[in-house]
Amino acid sequence: DYKGQKLAEQIFQGIILVSAVIGFIYGYITEQFGWTVYIVMAGFALSCLLTLPPWPMYRRNPLKWLPVQESGTEEKKAADRKPKRHSKS
């Protein structure tokens, strides 16, 4: 559903943003860029774990689909078709 997709996107962006800020600050304090990368990668992994599987919290508002309509047999459909004529240009 669309509300679930919106929630998943918000969670994903929030985790990435928070992990990037924490990673930058920690990397700046320790003067190690590697820690920044590790923290952002951990945030990415956590956000993927929380948003990629179809968790029940993302399926609370299912879409209502139209019912299937049957319109006769295949023989009737084939008989109703007109042969296509190609005009020469």
PDB file of N, CA and C in Angstrom:
ATOM      1  N   ASP A   1       0.831  -1.191   0.000  1.00  0.00           N
ATOM      2  CA  ASP A   1       0.000   0.000   0.000  1.00  0.00           C
ATOM      3  C   ASP A   1       0.870   1.247   0.000  1.00  0.00           C
ATOM      4  N   TYR A   2       0.262   2.346  -0.361  1.00  0.00           N
ATOM      5  CA  TYR A   2       1.027   3.585  -0.515  1.00  0.00           C
ATOM      6  C   TYR A   2       1.478   4.168   0.822  1.00  0.00           C
ATOM      7  N   LYS A   3       0.668   4.024   1.848  1.00  0.00           N
ATOM      8  CA  LYS A   3       1.059   4.535   3.171  1.00  0.00           C
ATOM      9  C   LYS A   3       2.234   3.738   3.727  1.00  0.00           C
ATOM     10  N   GLY A   4       2.230   2.442   3.487  1.00  0.00           N
ATOM     11  CA  GLY A   4       3.346   1.604   3.918  1.00  0.00           C
ATOM     12  C   GLY A   4       4.632   1.944   3.185  1.00  0.00           C
ATOM     13  N   GLN A   5       4.523   2.241   1.890  1.00  0.00           N
ATOM     14  CA  GLN A   5       5.699   2.641   1.128  1.00  0.00           C
ATOM     15  C   GLN A   5       6.252   3.969   1.636  1.00  0.00           C
ATOM     16  N   LYS A   6       5.359   4.882   1.970  1.00  0.00           N
ATOM     17  CA  LYS A   6       5.789   6.175   2.495  1.00  0.00           C
ATOM     18  C   LYS A   6       6.496   6.001   3.840  1.00  0.00           C
ATOM     19  N   LEU A   7       5.925   5.153   4.700  1.00  0.00           N
ATOM     20  CA  LEU A   7       6.535   4.890   6.008  1.00  0.00           C
ATOM     21  C   LEU A   7       7.905   4.255   5.843  1.00  0.00           C
ATOM     22  N   ALA A   8       8.024   3.279   4.953  1.00  0.00           N
ATOM     23  CA  ALA A   8       9.310   2.616   4.719  1.00  0.00           C
ATOM     24  C   ALA A   8      10.346   3.613   4.210  1.00  0.00           C
ATOM     25  N   GLU A   9       9.932   4.498   3.312  1.00  0.00           N
ATOM     26  CA  GLU A   9      10.859   5.512   2.784  1.00  0.00           C
ATOM     27  C   GLU A   9      11.311   6.471   3.875  1.00  0.00           C
ATOM     28  N   GLN A  10      10.398   6.874   4.750  1.00  0.00           N
ATOM     29  CA  GLN A  10      10.750   7.784   5.840  1.00  0.00           C
ATOM     30  C   GLN A  10      11.708   7.117   6.824  1.00  0.00           C
ATOM     31  N   ILE A  11      11.447   5.868   7.151  1.00  0.00           N
ATOM     32  CA  ILE A  11      12.332   5.134   8.065  1.00  0.00           C
ATOM     33  C   ILE A  11      13.716   4.988   7.443  1.00  0.00           C
ATOM     34  N   PHE A  12      13.764   4.612   6.171  1.00  0.00           N
ATOM     35  CA  PHE A  12      15.031   4.436   5.471  1.00  0.00           C
ATOM     36  C   PHE A  12      15.843   5.729   5.471  1.00  0.00           C
ATOM     37  N   GLN A  13      15.217   6.828   5.079  1.00  0.00           N
ATOM     38  CA  GLN A  13      15.932   8.099   5.025  1.00  0.00           C
ATOM     39  C   GLN A  13      16.355   8.580   6.415  1.00  0.00           C
ATOM     40  N   GLY A  14      15.511   8.365   7.409  1.00  0.00           N
ATOM     41  CA  GLY A  14      15.844   8.778   8.772  1.00  0.00           C
ATOM     42  C   GLY A  14      17.045   8.033   9.317  1.00  0.00           C
ATOM     43  N   ILE A  15      17.077   6.732   9.121  1.00  0.00           N
ATOM     44  CA  ILE A  15      18.204   5.939   9.625  1.00  0.00           C
ATOM     45  C   ILE A  15      19.494   6.321   8.901  1.00  0.00           C
ATOM     46  N   ILE A  16      19.407   6.492   7.593  1.00  0.00           N
ATOM     47  CA  ILE A  16      20.604   6.887   6.835  1.00  0.00           C
ATOM     48  C   ILE A  16      21.114   8.246   7.302  1.00  0.00           C
ATOM     49  N   LEU A  17      20.211   9.195   7.487  1.00  0.00           N
ATOM     50  CA  LEU A  17      20.607  10.538   7.914  1.00  0.00           C
ATOM     51  C   LEU A  17      21.238  10.511   9.309  1.00  0.00           C
ATOM     52  N   VAL A  18      20.607   9.822  10.240  1.00  0.00           N
ATOM     53  CA  VAL A  18      21.130   9.761  11.610  1.00  0.00           C
ATOM     54  C   VAL A  18      22.485   9.059  11.641  1.00  0.00           C
ATOM     55  N   SER A  19      22.601   7.952  10.914  1.00  0.00           N
ATOM     56  CA  SER A  19      23.887   7.241  10.911  1.00  0.00           C
ATOM     57  C   SER A  19      24.979   8.070  10.235  1.00  0.00           C
ATOM     58  N   ALA A  20      24.619   8.846   9.223  1.00  0.00           N
ATOM     59  CA  ALA A  20      25.625   9.693   8.567  1.00  0.00           C
ATOM     60  C   ALA A  20      26.109  10.793   9.509  1.00  0.00           C
ATOM     61  N   VAL A  21      25.189  11.402  10.253  1.00  0.00           N
ATOM     62  CA  VAL A  21      25.573  12.451  11.192  1.00  0.00           C
ATOM     63  C   VAL A  21      26.428  11.874  12.321  1.00  0.00           C
ATOM     64  N   ILE A  22      25.993  10.759  12.887  1.00  0.00           N
ATOM     65  CA  ILE A  22      26.766  10.121  13.964  1.00  0.00           C
ATOM     66  C   ILE A  22      28.133   9.678  13.453  1.00  0.00           C
ATOM     67  N   GLY A  23      28.150   9.073  12.255  1.00  0.00           N
ATOM     68  CA  GLY A  23      29.414   8.631  11.679  1.00  0.00           C
ATOM     69  C   GLY A  23      30.362   9.776  11.416  1.00  0.00           C
ATOM     70  N   PHE A  24      29.825  10.896  10.908  1.00  0.00           N
ATOM     71  CA  PHE A  24      30.681  12.050  10.637  1.00  0.00           C
ATOM     72  C   PHE A  24      31.264  12.614  11.928  1.00  0.00           C
ATOM     73  N   ILE A  25      30.413  12.755  12.945  1.00  0.00           N
ATOM     74  CA  ILE A  25      30.883  13.321  14.211  1.00  0.00           C
ATOM     75  C   ILE A  25      31.922  12.404  14.863  1.00  0.00           C
ATOM     76  N   TYR A  26      31.633  11.103  14.901  1.00  0.00           N
ATOM     77  CA  TYR A  26      32.571  10.164  15.519  1.00  0.00           C
ATOM     78  C   TYR A  26      33.879  10.099  14.729  1.00  0.00           C
ATOM     79  N   GLY A  27      33.768  10.088  13.404  1.00  0.00           N
ATOM     80  CA  GLY A  27      34.972  10.074  12.574  1.00  0.00           C
ATOM     81  C   GLY A  27      35.793  11.342  12.723  1.00  0.00           C
ATOM     82  N   TYR A  28      35.114  12.473  12.896  1.00  0.00           N
ATOM     83  CA  TYR A  28      35.816  13.750  13.084  1.00  0.00           C
ATOM     84  C   TYR A  28      36.551  13.782  14.419  1.00  0.00           C
ATOM     85  N   ILE A  29      35.869  13.272  15.457  1.00  0.00           N
ATOM     86  CA  ILE A  29      36.486  13.271  16.789  1.00  0.00           C
ATOM     87  C   ILE A  29      37.698  12.343  16.837  1.00  0.00           C
ATOM     88  N   THR A  30      37.563  11.156  16.273  1.00  0.00           N
ATOM     89  CA  THR A  30      38.663  10.187  16.314  1.00  0.00           C
ATOM     90  C   THR A  30      39.664  10.381  15.174  1.00  0.00           C
ATOM     91  N   GLU A  31      39.341  11.269  14.246  1.00  0.00           N
ATOM     92  CA  GLU A  31      40.170  11.539  13.078  1.00  0.00           C
ATOM     93  C   GLU A  31      40.425  10.271  12.263  1.00  0.00           C
ATOM     94  N   GLN A  32      39.394   9.458  12.155  1.00  0.00           N
ATOM     95  CA  GLN A  32      39.450   8.215  11.385  1.00  0.00           C
ATOM     96  C   GLN A  32      38.251   8.177  10.426  1.00  0.00           C
ATOM     97  N   PHE A  33      38.510   8.390   9.136  1.00  0.00           N
ATOM     98  CA  PHE A  33      37.423   8.376   8.156  1.00  0.00           C
ATOM     99  C   PHE A  33      36.805   6.984   8.026  1.00  0.00           C
ATOM    100  N   GLY A  34      37.575   5.966   8.301  1.00  0.00           N
ATOM    101  CA  GLY A  34      37.083   4.592   8.221  1.00  0.00           C
ATOM    102  C   GLY A  34      35.887   4.345   9.128  1.00  0.00           C
ATOM    103  N   TRP A  35      35.918   4.925  10.335  1.00  0.00           N
ATOM    104  CA  TRP A  35      34.796   4.759  11.251  1.00  0.00           C
ATOM    105  C   TRP A  35      33.525   5.401  10.699  1.00  0.00           C
ATOM    106  N   THR A  36      33.682   6.515  10.008  1.00  0.00           N
ATOM    107  CA  THR A  36      32.526   7.158   9.378  1.00  0.00           C
ATOM    108  C   THR A  36      31.888   6.213   8.373  1.00  0.00           C
ATOM    109  N   VAL A  37      32.719   5.601   7.552  1.00  0.00           N
ATOM    110  CA  VAL A  37      32.209   4.675   6.538  1.00  0.00           C
ATOM    111  C   VAL A  37      31.548   3.464   7.192  1.00  0.00           C
ATOM    112  N   TYR A  38      32.167   2.913   8.223  1.00  0.00           N
ATOM    113  CA  TYR A  38      31.596   1.743   8.905  1.00  0.00           C
ATOM    114  C   TYR A  38      30.232   2.061   9.528  1.00  0.00           C
ATOM    115  N   ILE A  39      30.115   3.211  10.152  1.00  0.00           N
ATOM    116  CA  ILE A  39      28.865   3.579  10.805  1.00  0.00           C
ATOM    117  C   ILE A  39      27.771   3.818   9.767  1.00  0.00           C
ATOM    118  N   VAL A  40      28.099   4.466   8.661  1.00  0.00           N
ATOM    119  CA  VAL A  40      27.101   4.676   7.603  1.00  0.00           C
ATOM    120  C   VAL A  40      26.698   3.345   6.976  1.00  0.00           C
ATOM    121  N   MET A  41      27.650   2.457   6.790  1.00  0.00           N
ATOM    122  CA  MET A  41      27.320   1.128   6.238  1.00  0.00           C
ATOM    123  C   MET A  41      26.443   0.338   7.201  1.00  0.00           C
ATOM    124  N   ALA A  42      26.697   0.441   8.494  1.00  0.00           N
ATOM    125  CA  ALA A  42      25.854  -0.237   9.481  1.00  0.00           C
ATOM    126  C   ALA A  42      24.445   0.349   9.471  1.00  0.00           C
ATOM    127  N   GLY A  43      24.329   1.669   9.328  1.00  0.00           N
ATOM    128  CA  GLY A  43      23.017   2.303   9.224  1.00  0.00           C
ATOM    129  C   GLY A  43      22.280   1.861   7.980  1.00  0.00           C
ATOM    130  N   PHE A  44      23.005   1.723   6.880  1.00  0.00           N
ATOM    131  CA  PHE A  44      22.399   1.244   5.638  1.00  0.00           C
ATOM    132  C   PHE A  44      21.891  -0.187   5.799  1.00  0.00           C
ATOM    133  N   ALA A  45      22.699  -1.048   6.418  1.00  0.00           N
ATOM    134  CA  ALA A  45      22.296  -2.438   6.636  1.00  0.00           C
ATOM    135  C   ALA A  45      21.067  -2.514   7.543  1.00  0.00           C
ATOM    136  N   LEU A  46      21.051  -1.711   8.598  1.00  0.00           N
ATOM    137  CA  LEU A  46      19.904  -1.693   9.503  1.00  0.00           C
ATOM    138  C   LEU A  46      18.649  -1.200   8.791  1.00  0.00           C
ATOM    139  N   SER A  47      18.795  -0.158   7.985  1.00  0.00           N
ATOM    140  CA  SER A  47      17.620   0.366   7.278  1.00  0.00           C
ATOM    141  C   SER A  47      17.114  -0.632   6.242  1.00  0.00           C
ATOM    142  N   CYS A  48      18.009  -1.356   5.593  1.00  0.00           N
ATOM    143  CA  CYS A  48      17.574  -2.395   4.653  1.00  0.00           C
ATOM    144  C   CYS A  48      16.832  -3.514   5.377  1.00  0.00           C
ATOM    145  N   LEU A  49      17.338  -3.889   6.540  1.00  0.00           N
ATOM    146  CA  LEU A  49      16.686  -4.938   7.330  1.00  0.00           C
ATOM    147  C   LEU A  49      15.287  -4.518   7.774  1.00  0.00           C
ATOM    148  N   LEU A  50      15.101  -3.250   8.066  1.00  0.00           N
ATOM    149  CA  LEU A  50      13.807  -2.766   8.543  1.00  0.00           C
ATOM    150  C   LEU A  50      12.824  -2.415   7.427  1.00  0.00           C
ATOM    151  N   THR A  51      13.310  -2.121   6.240  1.00  0.00           N
ATOM    152  CA  THR A  51      12.400  -1.629   5.200  1.00  0.00           C
ATOM    153  C   THR A  51      12.204  -2.568   4.016  1.00  0.00           C
ATOM    154  N   LEU A  52      13.129  -3.452   3.718  1.00  0.00           N
ATOM    155  CA  LEU A  52      12.972  -4.296   2.540  1.00  0.00           C
ATOM    156  C   LEU A  52      11.996  -5.458   2.714  1.00  0.00           C
ATOM    157  N   PRO A  53      12.009  -6.203   3.810  1.00  0.00           N
ATOM    158  CA  PRO A  53      11.025  -7.280   3.945  1.00  0.00           C
ATOM    159  C   PRO A  53       9.604  -6.716   4.087  1.00  0.00           C
ATOM    160  N   PRO A  54       8.594  -7.465   3.646  1.00  0.00           N
ATOM    161  CA  PRO A  54       7.210  -6.975   3.760  1.00  0.00           C
ATOM    162  C   PRO A  54       6.653  -7.157   5.178  1.00  0.00           C
ATOM    163  N   TRP A  55       7.127  -6.366   6.112  1.00  0.00           N
ATOM    164  CA  TRP A  55       6.679  -6.442   7.492  1.00  0.00           C
ATOM    165  C   TRP A  55       5.199  -6.063   7.582  1.00  0.00           C
ATOM    166  N   PRO A  56       4.467  -6.593   8.569  1.00  0.00           N
ATOM    167  CA  PRO A  56       3.032  -6.274   8.703  1.00  0.00           C
ATOM    168  C   PRO A  56       2.742  -4.786   8.902  1.00  0.00           C
ATOM    169  N   MET A  57       3.689  -4.031   9.461  1.00  0.00           N
ATOM    170  CA  MET A  57       3.432  -2.603   9.678  1.00  0.00           C
ATOM    171  C   MET A  57       3.337  -1.839   8.362  1.00  0.00           C
ATOM    172  N   TYR A  58       3.843  -2.416   7.268  1.00  0.00           N
ATOM    173  CA  TYR A  58       3.766  -1.762   5.965  1.00  0.00           C
ATOM    174  C   TYR A  58       2.535  -2.210   5.174  1.00  0.00           C
ATOM    175  N   ARG A  59       1.777  -3.183   5.692  1.00  0.00           N
ATOM    176  CA  ARG A  59       0.622  -3.717   4.960  1.00  0.00           C
ATOM    177  C   ARG A  59      -0.690  -3.481   5.701  1.00  0.00           C
ATOM    178  N   ARG A  60      -0.798  -2.397   6.394  1.00  0.00           N
ATOM    179  CA  ARG A  60      -2.010  -2.103   7.169  1.00  0.00           C
ATOM    180  C   ARG A  60      -3.146  -1.560   6.320  1.00  0.00           C
ATOM    181  N   ASN A  61      -2.847  -0.942   5.194  1.00  0.00           N
ATOM    182  CA  ASN A  61      -3.866  -0.325   4.341  1.00  0.00           C
ATOM    183  C   ASN A  61      -3.802  -0.928   2.932  1.00  0.00           C
ATOM    184  N   PRO A  62      -4.313  -2.161   2.764  1.00  0.00           N
ATOM    185  CA  PRO A  62      -4.209  -2.793   1.441  1.00  0.00           C
ATOM    186  C   PRO A  62      -5.087  -2.083   0.406  1.00  0.00           C
ATOM    187  N   LEU A  63      -4.664  -2.161  -0.846  1.00  0.00           N
ATOM    188  CA  LEU A  63      -5.428  -1.565  -1.928  1.00  0.00           C
ATOM    189  C   LEU A  63      -6.623  -2.446  -2.260  1.00  0.00           C
ATOM    190  N   LYS A  64      -7.724  -1.820  -2.639  1.00  0.00           N
ATOM    191  CA  LYS A  64      -8.915  -2.568  -3.044  1.00  0.00           C
ATOM    192  C   LYS A  64      -8.895  -2.688  -4.564  1.00  0.00           C
ATOM    193  N   TRP A  65      -8.775  -3.916  -5.051  1.00  0.00           N
ATOM    194  CA  TRP A  65      -8.717  -4.169  -6.478  1.00  0.00           C
ATOM    195  C   TRP A  65     -10.116  -4.460  -7.011  1.00  0.00           C
ATOM    196  N   LEU A  66     -10.343  -4.188  -8.278  1.00  0.00           N
ATOM    197  CA  LEU A  66     -11.613  -4.508  -8.908  1.00  0.00           C
ATOM    198  C   LEU A  66     -11.710  -6.015  -9.102  1.00  0.00           C
ATOM    199  N   PRO A  67     -12.929  -6.573  -9.001  1.00  0.00           N
ATOM    200  CA  PRO A  67     -13.061  -8.015  -9.216  1.00  0.00           C
ATOM    201  C   PRO A  67     -12.843  -8.374 -10.683  1.00  0.00           C
ATOM    202  N   VAL A  68     -12.462  -9.630 -10.916  1.00  0.00           N
ATOM    203  CA  VAL A  68     -12.232 -10.106 -12.269  1.00  0.00           C
ATOM    204  C   VAL A  68     -13.575 -10.273 -12.963  1.00  0.00           C
ATOM    205  N   GLN A  69     -13.680  -9.771 -14.197  1.00  0.00           N
ATOM    206  CA  GLN A  69     -14.913  -9.911 -14.975  1.00  0.00           C
ATOM    207  C   GLN A  69     -14.664 -10.867 -16.126  1.00  0.00           C
ATOM    208  N   GLU A  70     -15.494 -11.895 -16.218  1.00  0.00           N
ATOM    209  CA  GLU A  70     -15.367 -12.850 -17.308  1.00  0.00           C
ATOM    210  C   GLU A  70     -16.350 -12.458 -18.390  1.00  0.00           C
ATOM    211  N   SER A  71     -15.911 -12.468 -19.644  1.00  0.00           N
ATOM    212  CA  SER A  71     -16.754 -11.989 -20.731  1.00  0.00           C
ATOM    213  C   SER A  71     -16.973 -13.031 -21.820  1.00  0.00           C
ATOM    214  N   GLY A  72     -17.176 -14.288 -21.477  1.00  0.00           N
ATOM    215  CA  GLY A  72     -17.494 -15.303 -22.477  1.00  0.00           C
ATOM    216  C   GLY A  72     -16.321 -16.204 -22.782  1.00  0.00           C
ATOM    217  N   THR A  73     -16.510 -16.996 -23.824  1.00  0.00           N
ATOM    218  CA  THR A  73     -15.489 -17.987 -24.185  1.00  0.00           C
ATOM    219  C   THR A  73     -14.490 -17.399 -25.162  1.00  0.00           C
ATOM    220  N   GLU A  74     -13.414 -18.132 -25.337  1.00  0.00           N
ATOM    221  CA  GLU A  74     -12.365 -17.699 -26.259  1.00  0.00           C
ATOM    222  C   GLU A  74     -12.831 -17.791 -27.711  1.00  0.00           C
ATOM    223  N   GLU A  75     -13.717 -18.760 -28.007  1.00  0.00           N
ATOM    224  CA  GLU A  75     -14.198 -18.922 -29.380  1.00  0.00           C
ATOM    225  C   GLU A  75     -14.976 -17.689 -29.820  1.00  0.00           C
ATOM    226  N   LYS A  76     -15.785 -17.150 -28.927  1.00  0.00           N
ATOM    227  CA  LYS A  76     -16.571 -15.964 -29.247  1.00  0.00           C
ATOM    228  C   LYS A  76     -15.651 -14.769 -29.495  1.00  0.00           C
ATOM    229  N   LYS A  77     -14.623 -14.649 -28.681  1.00  0.00           N
ATOM    230  CA  LYS A  77     -13.678 -13.549 -28.850  1.00  0.00           C
ATOM    231  C   LYS A  77     -12.961 -13.644 -30.189  1.00  0.00           C
ATOM    232  N   ALA A  78     -12.553 -14.850 -30.570  1.00  0.00           N
ATOM    233  CA  ALA A  78     -11.850 -15.033 -31.835  1.00  0.00           C
ATOM    234  C   ALA A  78     -12.761 -14.727 -33.015  1.00  0.00           C
ATOM    235  N   ALA A  79     -14.047 -15.068 -32.921  1.00  0.00           N
ATOM    236  CA  ALA A  79     -14.987 -14.819 -34.002  1.00  0.00           C
ATOM    237  C   ALA A  79     -15.307 -13.336 -34.139  1.00  0.00           C
ATOM    238  N   ASP A  80     -15.256 -12.593 -33.063  1.00  0.00           N
ATOM    239  CA  ASP A  80     -15.570 -11.169 -33.090  1.00  0.00           C
ATOM    240  C   ASP A  80     -14.443 -10.325 -33.670  1.00  0.00           C
ATOM    241  N   ARG A  81     -13.256 -10.855 -33.711  1.00  0.00           N
ATOM    242  CA  ARG A  81     -12.120 -10.090 -34.213  1.00  0.00           C
ATOM    243  C   ARG A  81     -12.212  -9.924 -35.721  1.00  0.00           C
ATOM    244  N   LYS A  82     -11.851  -8.747 -36.171  1.00  0.00           N
ATOM    245  CA  LYS A  82     -11.823  -8.480 -37.607  1.00  0.00           C
ATOM    246  C   LYS A  82     -10.388  -8.665 -38.096  1.00  0.00           C
ATOM    247  N   PRO A  83     -10.230  -9.224 -39.285  1.00  0.00           N
ATOM    248  CA  PRO A  83      -8.852  -9.359 -39.800  1.00  0.00           C
ATOM    249  C   PRO A  83      -8.271  -7.982 -40.103  1.00  0.00           C
ATOM    250  N   LYS A  84      -7.015  -7.839 -39.818  1.00  0.00           N
ATOM    251  CA  LYS A  84      -6.340  -6.563 -40.058  1.00  0.00           C
ATOM    252  C   LYS A  84      -5.910  -6.486 -41.513  1.00  0.00           C
ATOM    253  N   ARG A  85      -6.138  -5.340 -42.101  1.00  0.00           N
ATOM    254  CA  ARG A  85      -5.711  -5.120 -43.468  1.00  0.00           C
ATOM    255  C   ARG A  85      -4.636  -4.051 -43.474  1.00  0.00           C
ATOM    256  N   HIS A  86      -3.582  -4.348 -44.140  1.00  0.00           N
ATOM    257  CA  HIS A  86      -2.487  -3.411 -44.238  1.00  0.00           C
ATOM    258  C   HIS A  86      -2.589  -2.667 -45.556  1.00  0.00           C
ATOM    259  N   SER A  87      -2.574  -1.372 -45.500  1.00  0.00           N
ATOM    260  CA  SER A  87      -2.635  -0.587 -46.721  1.00  0.00           C
ATOM    261  C   SER A  87      -1.216  -0.326 -47.230  1.00  0.00           C
ATOM    262  N   LYS A  88      -1.101  -0.288 -48.535  1.00  0.00           N
ATOM    263  CA  LYS A  88       0.203  -0.016 -49.134  1.00  0.00           C
ATOM    264  C   LYS A  88       0.395   1.472 -49.252  1.00  0.00           C
ATOM    265  N   SER A  89       1.532   1.945 -48.840  1.00  0.00           N
ATOM    266  CA  SER A  89       1.791   3.388 -48.879  1.00  0.00           C
ATOM    267  C   SER A  89       2.688   3.748 -50.011  1.00  0.00           C
TER     268      SER A  89
END
